[in-house]
């Protein structure tokens, strides 16, 4: 399963393995059925028969008749074609019994690190974790904090050739591409597509079929934090004049972890989850909560339309948000997925506790 997450749009994709009985039959015939995504359509799949020829594969299935008949040391363990198949079946079961490997790129992003932490804390018995980073420095920081995970550095979405080590042998992957206003939305989409393509390319093992789950978060509580910090000093919190179900990026990561760590991951296939917070907040309500948590007098101030456009990109604040102040329907998918739900007050309390 692969998770494509461009904040604020996430997606989960993945690999489906065939049933053991079908796999064993195919392997010992020397072939394996492979399902792959048809390039001309995202909804159709095509089947073909692929012969194993990769010499790097730890298991080279072949017909039992091709094994040598001369006596060797291995004959102590393998004495007949039946034993040969049994021998390979045991190896195959041993390999396939490993917990699925989740690759997180980039693991240092807000949502990516939250997902990694949640997987490590709650689902480490169900999945193995690989953190993917651009810099060696961040990789080492996470390796010290989470000693049982695999870390990979030097992966850059702008350089396709660096992505193989990010996704090779991964069963599931979380792709997070934080919004960079200087880079722009279109370039951001191109990077996301590059990572998805790389993940699909390097995830082909036995049977591969693209699967997905979309996580669609709204506005982030984290983006209000600079305004909150300033308000503590000035007594004024200035934010755009709209209402939204602000969500903590930690809840986004937890929701992704709940999907990736699920015992029955199929239940999330082709699902779209709306990742919102529990409260519909405007600047006035937020000022009241900041005042309650900080015990300081805080008043609200509305940003003008011109200030809003400086605050975020035009893609993020489209006309229906600024002019019509449209509030999207509310969903409790975060609560359903994680059995937790961070309100704005809890978010602020945690932030204030962690101030240096």
Protein backbone atom coordinates (compact mmCIF):
# COMPACT_ATOMS: atom_id res chain seq x y z
CA UNK A 1 0.00 0.00 0.00
CA UNK A 2 1.30 3.34 -1.02
CA UNK A 3 0.20 6.58 0.56
CA UNK A 4 0.31 9.60 -1.66
CA UNK A 5 -0.04 12.70 0.46
CA UNK A 6 0.27 16.16 -0.90
CA UNK A 7 -0.86 18.18 2.03
CA UNK A 8 -3.80 18.75 1.91
CA UNK A 9 -4.59 15.73 -0.33
CA UNK A 10 -3.46 12.26 0.61
CA UNK A 11 -3.73 8.96 -1.15
CA UNK A 12 -3.01 5.37 -0.25
CA UNK A 13 -1.97 2.87 -2.84
CA UNK A 14 -0.69 -0.63 -2.60
CA UNK A 15 0.16 -4.12 -3.55
CA UNK A 16 -2.05 -7.16 -3.30
CA UNK A 17 -0.50 -10.60 -3.02
CA UNK A 18 -2.18 -13.70 -4.35
CA UNK A 19 -3.37 -16.41 -2.00
CA UNK A 20 -0.59 -18.82 -0.89
CA UNK A 21 -2.09 -21.83 -2.67
CA UNK A 22 -2.28 -19.97 -5.99
CA UNK A 23 1.17 -18.49 -5.50
CA UNK A 24 2.79 -21.85 -4.80
CA UNK A 25 1.26 -23.44 -7.89
CA UNK A 26 2.40 -20.55 -10.06
CA UNK A 27 5.90 -20.44 -8.59
CA UNK A 28 6.65 -24.08 -9.12
CA UNK A 29 5.42 -23.92 -12.68
CA UNK A 30 8.15 -21.36 -13.15
CA UNK A 31 5.73 -18.50 -13.77
CA UNK A 32 3.77 -16.01 -11.76
CA UNK A 33 0.60 -14.15 -12.73
CA UNK A 34 1.13 -10.42 -12.54
CA UNK A 35 -1.64 -7.83 -12.32
CA UNK A 36 -0.61 -4.34 -13.27
CA UNK A 37 -2.28 -1.04 -13.85
CA UNK A 38 -3.19 -0.48 -17.48
CA UNK A 39 -1.38 2.67 -18.60
CA UNK A 40 -4.39 3.84 -20.60
CA UNK A 41 -6.81 3.58 -17.71
CA UNK A 42 -6.72 3.89 -13.94
CA UNK A 43 -9.67 1.59 -13.51
CA UNK A 44 -8.73 -1.45 -15.58
CA UNK A 45 -6.14 -4.13 -14.95
CA UNK A 46 -4.44 -6.50 -17.35
CA UNK A 47 -3.14 -9.97 -16.56
CA UNK A 48 -0.08 -11.62 -18.03
CA UNK A 49 2.24 -14.50 -17.26
CA UNK A 50 5.78 -13.53 -16.29
CA UNK A 51 8.63 -16.01 -16.06
CA UNK A 52 11.10 -15.56 -13.20
CA UNK A 53 14.45 -14.53 -14.68
CA UNK A 54 15.77 -12.07 -12.10
CA UNK A 55 18.96 -13.63 -10.75
CA UNK A 56 18.89 -11.27 -7.78
CA UNK A 57 15.66 -12.77 -6.49
CA UNK A 58 16.45 -14.83 -3.34
CA UNK A 59 14.06 -17.53 -4.55
CA UNK A 60 14.37 -18.78 -8.12
CA UNK A 61 11.32 -21.03 -8.58
CA UNK A 62 11.68 -23.64 -11.24
CA UNK A 63 10.25 -26.96 -12.25
CA UNK A 64 11.38 -29.76 -9.94
CA UNK A 65 12.65 -31.79 -12.92
CA UNK A 66 15.39 -29.27 -13.57
CA UNK A 67 17.17 -29.99 -10.27
CA UNK A 68 20.39 -32.05 -10.61
CA UNK A 69 20.20 -35.75 -9.74
CA UNK A 70 23.80 -36.07 -8.55
CA UNK A 71 24.28 -36.53 -4.82
CA UNK A 72 25.28 -33.38 -2.93
CA UNK A 73 25.27 -32.20 0.66
CA UNK A 74 21.84 -30.74 0.05
CA UNK A 75 20.50 -34.28 -0.48
CA UNK A 76 20.50 -34.68 3.29
CA UNK A 77 17.70 -32.15 3.33
CA UNK A 78 16.17 -32.52 -0.15
CA UNK A 79 15.75 -36.06 -1.41
CA UNK A 80 12.89 -35.85 -3.89
CA UNK A 81 10.99 -33.43 -6.09
CA UNK A 82 8.26 -33.38 -3.45
CA UNK A 83 10.80 -32.39 -0.82
CA UNK A 84 12.14 -29.73 -3.17
CA UNK A 85 8.74 -28.11 -3.42
CA UNK A 86 8.24 -28.44 0.33
CA UNK A 87 11.64 -26.87 0.91
CA UNK A 88 10.82 -23.84 -1.26
CA UNK A 89 7.35 -23.54 0.23
CA UNK A 90 8.86 -23.27 3.71
CA UNK A 91 11.29 -20.59 2.55
CA UNK A 92 8.52 -18.73 0.78
CA UNK A 93 6.23 -18.86 3.81
CA UNK A 94 9.09 -17.65 6.01
CA UNK A 95 9.71 -14.65 3.75
CA UNK A 96 6.05 -13.83 3.27
CA UNK A 97 5.36 -14.12 7.00
CA UNK A 98 7.42 -10.98 7.62
CA UNK A 99 5.36 -7.98 8.56
CA UNK A 100 4.73 -5.63 5.63
CA UNK A 101 7.25 -2.83 5.17
CA UNK A 102 5.88 0.74 5.24
CA UNK A 103 8.03 3.35 3.51
CA UNK A 104 7.35 6.97 4.56
CA UNK A 105 8.52 9.82 2.31
CA UNK A 106 9.26 12.30 3.60
CA UNK A 107 9.36 11.12 7.18
CA UNK A 108 10.43 14.53 8.50
CA UNK A 109 7.26 16.34 7.36
CA UNK A 110 4.65 17.15 10.00
CA UNK A 111 2.19 14.52 8.84
CA UNK A 112 4.86 12.01 7.84
CA UNK A 113 6.60 12.16 11.21
CA UNK A 114 3.24 11.88 12.99
CA UNK A 115 2.43 8.77 10.96
CA UNK A 116 5.86 7.26 11.69
CA UNK A 117 5.49 7.94 15.41
CA UNK A 118 2.01 6.41 15.50
CA UNK A 119 3.11 3.31 13.57
CA UNK A 120 6.10 2.91 15.89
CA UNK A 121 4.02 3.36 19.03
CA UNK A 122 0.88 1.38 18.13
CA UNK A 123 1.53 -0.84 15.13
CA UNK A 124 5.17 -1.97 15.39
CA UNK A 125 4.05 -5.59 15.81
CA UNK A 126 2.08 -5.40 12.57
CA UNK A 127 4.40 -3.47 10.22
CA UNK A 128 8.06 -2.67 9.66
CA UNK A 129 8.94 0.99 9.14
CA UNK A 130 11.27 2.76 6.73
CA UNK A 131 11.79 6.50 7.09
CA UNK A 132 12.86 8.26 3.88
CA UNK A 133 14.73 11.57 4.01
CA UNK A 134 16.55 13.97 1.74
CA UNK A 135 19.26 14.84 4.27
CA UNK A 136 21.53 12.48 6.18
CA UNK A 137 21.27 14.74 9.23
CA UNK A 138 17.51 14.27 9.62
CA UNK A 139 17.89 10.56 8.94
CA UNK A 140 20.31 10.22 11.85
CA UNK A 141 18.01 12.16 14.19
CA UNK A 142 15.12 9.78 13.51
CA UNK A 143 17.39 6.71 13.73
CA UNK A 144 18.37 7.73 17.25
CA UNK A 145 14.79 8.46 18.30
CA UNK A 146 13.32 5.31 16.73
CA UNK A 147 16.10 2.69 16.94
CA UNK A 148 14.15 -0.16 15.34
CA UNK A 149 13.25 1.56 12.07
CA UNK A 150 15.11 1.54 8.77
CA UNK A 151 16.25 4.94 7.52
CA UNK A 152 17.16 5.99 3.99
CA UNK A 153 18.61 9.37 2.99
CA UNK A 154 19.47 11.13 -0.25
CA UNK A 155 16.01 10.71 -1.79
CA UNK A 156 14.81 13.72 -3.78
CA UNK A 157 11.49 13.75 -5.64
CA UNK A 158 13.02 16.07 -8.26
CA UNK A 159 15.57 13.35 -9.10
CA UNK A 160 13.73 10.20 -10.11
CA UNK A 161 16.90 8.10 -10.05
CA UNK A 162 17.23 8.64 -6.27
CA UNK A 163 13.80 7.19 -5.48
CA UNK A 164 14.55 3.50 -5.97
CA UNK A 165 15.97 3.06 -2.46
CA UNK A 166 12.93 4.82 -1.04
CA UNK A 167 10.45 2.24 -2.28
CA UNK A 168 12.33 -0.94 -3.20
CA UNK A 169 10.82 -3.99 -1.44
CA UNK A 170 8.20 -1.82 0.28
CA UNK A 171 4.72 -3.26 0.72
CA UNK A 172 3.06 0.03 1.67
CA UNK A 173 4.21 3.60 1.31
CA UNK A 174 3.20 6.99 2.61
CA UNK A 175 4.02 9.86 0.27
CA UNK A 176 3.86 13.36 1.75
CA UNK A 177 4.76 16.42 -0.30
CA UNK A 178 4.43 19.52 1.90
CA UNK A 179 3.16 22.59 0.09
CA UNK A 180 5.96 24.91 -0.97
CA UNK A 181 4.54 28.23 -2.19
CA UNK A 182 7.78 29.12 -3.94
CA UNK A 183 7.65 25.84 -5.82
CA UNK A 184 4.01 26.21 -6.78
CA UNK A 185 1.06 23.83 -7.02
CA UNK A 186 1.80 22.48 -10.50
CA UNK A 187 5.37 21.55 -9.66
CA UNK A 188 4.10 19.99 -6.45
CA UNK A 189 1.77 17.76 -8.45
CA UNK A 190 4.62 16.74 -10.76
CA UNK A 191 6.72 15.67 -7.78
CA UNK A 192 3.84 13.68 -6.34
CA UNK A 193 3.31 11.86 -9.65
CA UNK A 194 7.05 11.10 -9.86
CA UNK A 195 7.01 9.50 -6.42
CA UNK A 196 3.89 7.46 -7.17
CA UNK A 197 5.44 6.21 -10.42
CA UNK A 198 8.65 5.28 -8.63
CA UNK A 199 6.76 3.49 -5.89
CA UNK A 200 4.77 1.45 -8.40
CA UNK A 201 7.92 0.65 -10.39
CA UNK A 202 9.90 -0.60 -7.43
CA UNK A 203 7.05 -2.39 -5.65
CA UNK A 204 6.45 -5.14 -8.25
CA UNK A 205 6.71 -8.51 -6.49
CA UNK A 206 4.80 -11.62 -7.55
CA UNK A 207 1.40 -9.96 -8.00
CA UNK A 208 1.03 -6.18 -8.05
CA UNK A 209 -2.16 -4.17 -8.33
CA UNK A 210 -2.61 -0.50 -7.55
CA UNK A 211 -4.89 0.19 -4.62
CA UNK A 212 -5.65 3.49 -3.02
CA UNK A 213 -7.22 5.41 -0.20
CA UNK A 214 -7.55 9.18 -0.27
CA UNK A 215 -7.14 11.26 2.90
CA UNK A 216 -8.44 14.79 2.33
CA UNK A 217 -7.61 17.17 5.18
CA UNK A 218 -8.84 20.73 5.44
CA UNK A 219 -7.08 23.74 6.96
CA UNK A 220 -4.32 22.93 9.43
CA UNK A 221 -4.28 24.06 13.05
CA UNK A 222 -0.50 24.16 12.71
CA UNK A 223 -0.74 27.07 10.25
CA UNK A 224 -2.42 29.23 12.90
CA UNK A 225 0.40 28.74 15.41
CA UNK A 226 2.54 31.73 14.27
CA UNK A 227 -0.51 34.01 14.68
CA UNK A 228 -1.21 32.52 18.11
CA UNK A 229 2.38 33.08 19.23
CA UNK A 230 2.21 36.69 18.07
CA UNK A 231 -1.12 37.21 19.85
CA UNK A 232 0.38 36.12 23.17
CA UNK A 233 2.73 39.12 22.91
CA UNK A 234 0.39 41.66 21.30
CA UNK A 235 -3.01 40.60 22.64
CA UNK A 236 -4.42 40.44 19.08
CA UNK A 237 -4.90 37.38 16.89
CA UNK A 238 -5.33 38.18 13.19
CA UNK A 239 -6.68 35.51 10.84
CA UNK A 240 -8.83 35.36 7.68
CA UNK A 241 -12.58 35.86 8.03
CA UNK A 242 -13.90 32.37 7.42
CA UNK A 243 -15.00 29.30 9.35
CA UNK A 244 -13.28 25.95 8.95
CA UNK A 245 -12.88 22.59 10.67
CA UNK A 246 -9.19 23.05 11.45
CA UNK A 247 -7.33 19.75 11.85
CA UNK A 248 -4.07 18.93 13.60
CA UNK A 249 -1.44 17.46 11.27
CA UNK A 250 -0.86 14.83 13.96
CA UNK A 251 -4.41 13.62 13.39
CA UNK A 252 -3.63 13.33 9.68
CA UNK A 253 -0.60 11.17 10.47
CA UNK A 254 -2.58 9.08 12.93
CA UNK A 255 -5.30 8.51 10.34
CA UNK A 256 -2.73 7.35 7.79
CA UNK A 257 -1.15 5.05 10.38
CA UNK A 258 -4.54 3.57 11.23
CA UNK A 259 -5.02 2.65 7.57
CA UNK A 260 -1.47 1.36 7.02
CA UNK A 261 -1.36 -0.58 10.28
CA UNK A 262 -4.79 -2.10 9.84
CA UNK A 263 -5.02 -5.88 10.08
CA UNK A 264 -7.57 -5.75 7.26
CA UNK A 265 -6.16 -3.07 4.98
CA UNK A 266 -8.61 -4.05 2.24
CA UNK A 267 -11.39 -2.28 4.15
CA UNK A 268 -9.75 1.05 3.24
CA UNK A 269 -9.33 0.34 -0.47
CA UNK A 270 -11.04 2.90 -2.74
CA UNK A 271 -12.21 4.96 0.24
CA UNK A 272 -12.02 8.75 0.55
CA UNK A 273 -11.71 10.00 4.12
CA UNK A 274 -12.38 13.64 4.97
CA UNK A 275 -9.81 14.54 7.62
CA UNK A 276 -11.29 17.44 9.57
CA UNK A 277 -11.12 18.63 13.16
CA UNK A 278 -14.05 18.36 15.59
CA UNK A 279 -14.92 22.10 15.69
CA UNK A 280 -16.05 24.69 13.18
CA UNK A 281 -13.82 27.63 14.11
CA UNK A 282 -13.60 31.27 13.10
CA UNK A 283 -11.15 33.88 14.35
CA UNK A 284 -13.47 35.03 17.15
CA UNK A 285 -13.87 31.52 18.56
CA UNK A 286 -10.16 30.90 18.25
CA UNK A 287 -9.37 34.12 20.15
CA UNK A 288 -11.59 32.92 23.01
CA UNK A 289 -9.80 29.57 23.15
CA UNK A 290 -6.35 31.19 23.03
CA UNK A 291 -7.42 33.49 25.88
CA UNK A 292 -8.63 30.51 27.92
CA UNK A 293 -5.44 28.50 27.43
CA UNK A 294 -2.94 31.35 27.87
CA UNK A 295 -4.92 33.21 30.54
CA UNK A 296 -4.15 36.44 28.67
CA UNK A 297 -6.56 38.98 27.22
CA UNK A 298 -6.85 38.24 23.48
CA UNK A 299 -9.04 40.00 20.93
CA UNK A 300 -9.70 38.95 17.34
CA UNK A 301 -8.89 40.90 14.20
CA UNK A 302 -10.06 40.00 10.69
CA UNK A 303 -7.58 40.05 7.85
CA UNK A 304 -8.62 41.93 4.72
CA UNK A 305 -8.97 40.14 1.39
CA UNK A 306 -5.64 41.62 0.35
CA UNK A 307 -3.99 40.31 3.51
CA UNK A 308 -5.55 36.89 2.96
CA UNK A 309 -3.97 36.69 -0.48
CA UNK A 310 -0.60 37.41 1.11
CA UNK A 311 -1.33 34.88 3.84
CA UNK A 312 -1.63 31.91 1.45
CA UNK A 313 -1.53 31.13 -2.26
CA UNK A 314 -4.51 31.74 -4.54
CA UNK A 315 -4.80 27.96 -5.04
CA UNK A 316 -5.34 27.44 -1.32
CA UNK A 317 -7.73 30.38 -0.89
CA UNK A 318 -10.04 30.23 -3.87
CA UNK A 319 -12.85 32.73 -4.41
CA UNK A 320 -15.55 30.59 -2.81
CA UNK A 321 -13.52 30.58 0.41
CA UNK A 322 -12.77 34.30 0.50
CA UNK A 323 -15.94 35.76 -1.01
CA UNK A 324 -18.66 33.26 -0.17
CA UNK A 325 -17.15 31.88 3.05
CA UNK A 326 -18.38 28.41 2.17
CA UNK A 327 -17.97 25.82 4.90
CA UNK A 328 -17.61 22.23 3.73
CA UNK A 329 -19.80 19.46 5.20
CA UNK A 330 -18.43 18.00 8.42
CA UNK A 331 -17.25 14.39 8.79
CA UNK A 332 -16.01 12.41 11.79
CA UNK A 333 -13.67 10.11 9.85
CA UNK A 334 -10.70 10.96 12.10
CA UNK A 335 -12.64 9.79 15.15
CA UNK A 336 -13.75 6.62 13.36
CA UNK A 337 -10.23 5.76 12.16
CA UNK A 338 -8.20 6.64 15.27
CA UNK A 339 -10.70 6.79 18.14
CA UNK A 340 -9.08 10.17 18.92
CA UNK A 341 -9.81 13.72 17.82
CA UNK A 342 -7.68 16.75 18.65
CA UNK A 343 -9.61 19.93 19.42
CA UNK A 344 -8.02 23.38 19.10
CA UNK A 345 -7.64 23.78 22.86
CA UNK A 346 -5.71 20.49 23.13
CA UNK A 347 -3.54 21.50 20.18
CA UNK A 348 -2.62 24.80 21.87
CA UNK A 349 -1.93 23.18 25.22
CA UNK A 350 0.50 20.72 23.65
CA UNK A 351 2.22 23.47 21.67
CA UNK A 352 2.65 25.65 24.75
CA UNK A 353 4.01 22.75 26.79
CA UNK A 354 6.68 22.09 24.16
CA UNK A 355 7.90 25.68 23.85
CA UNK A 356 11.61 25.82 24.66
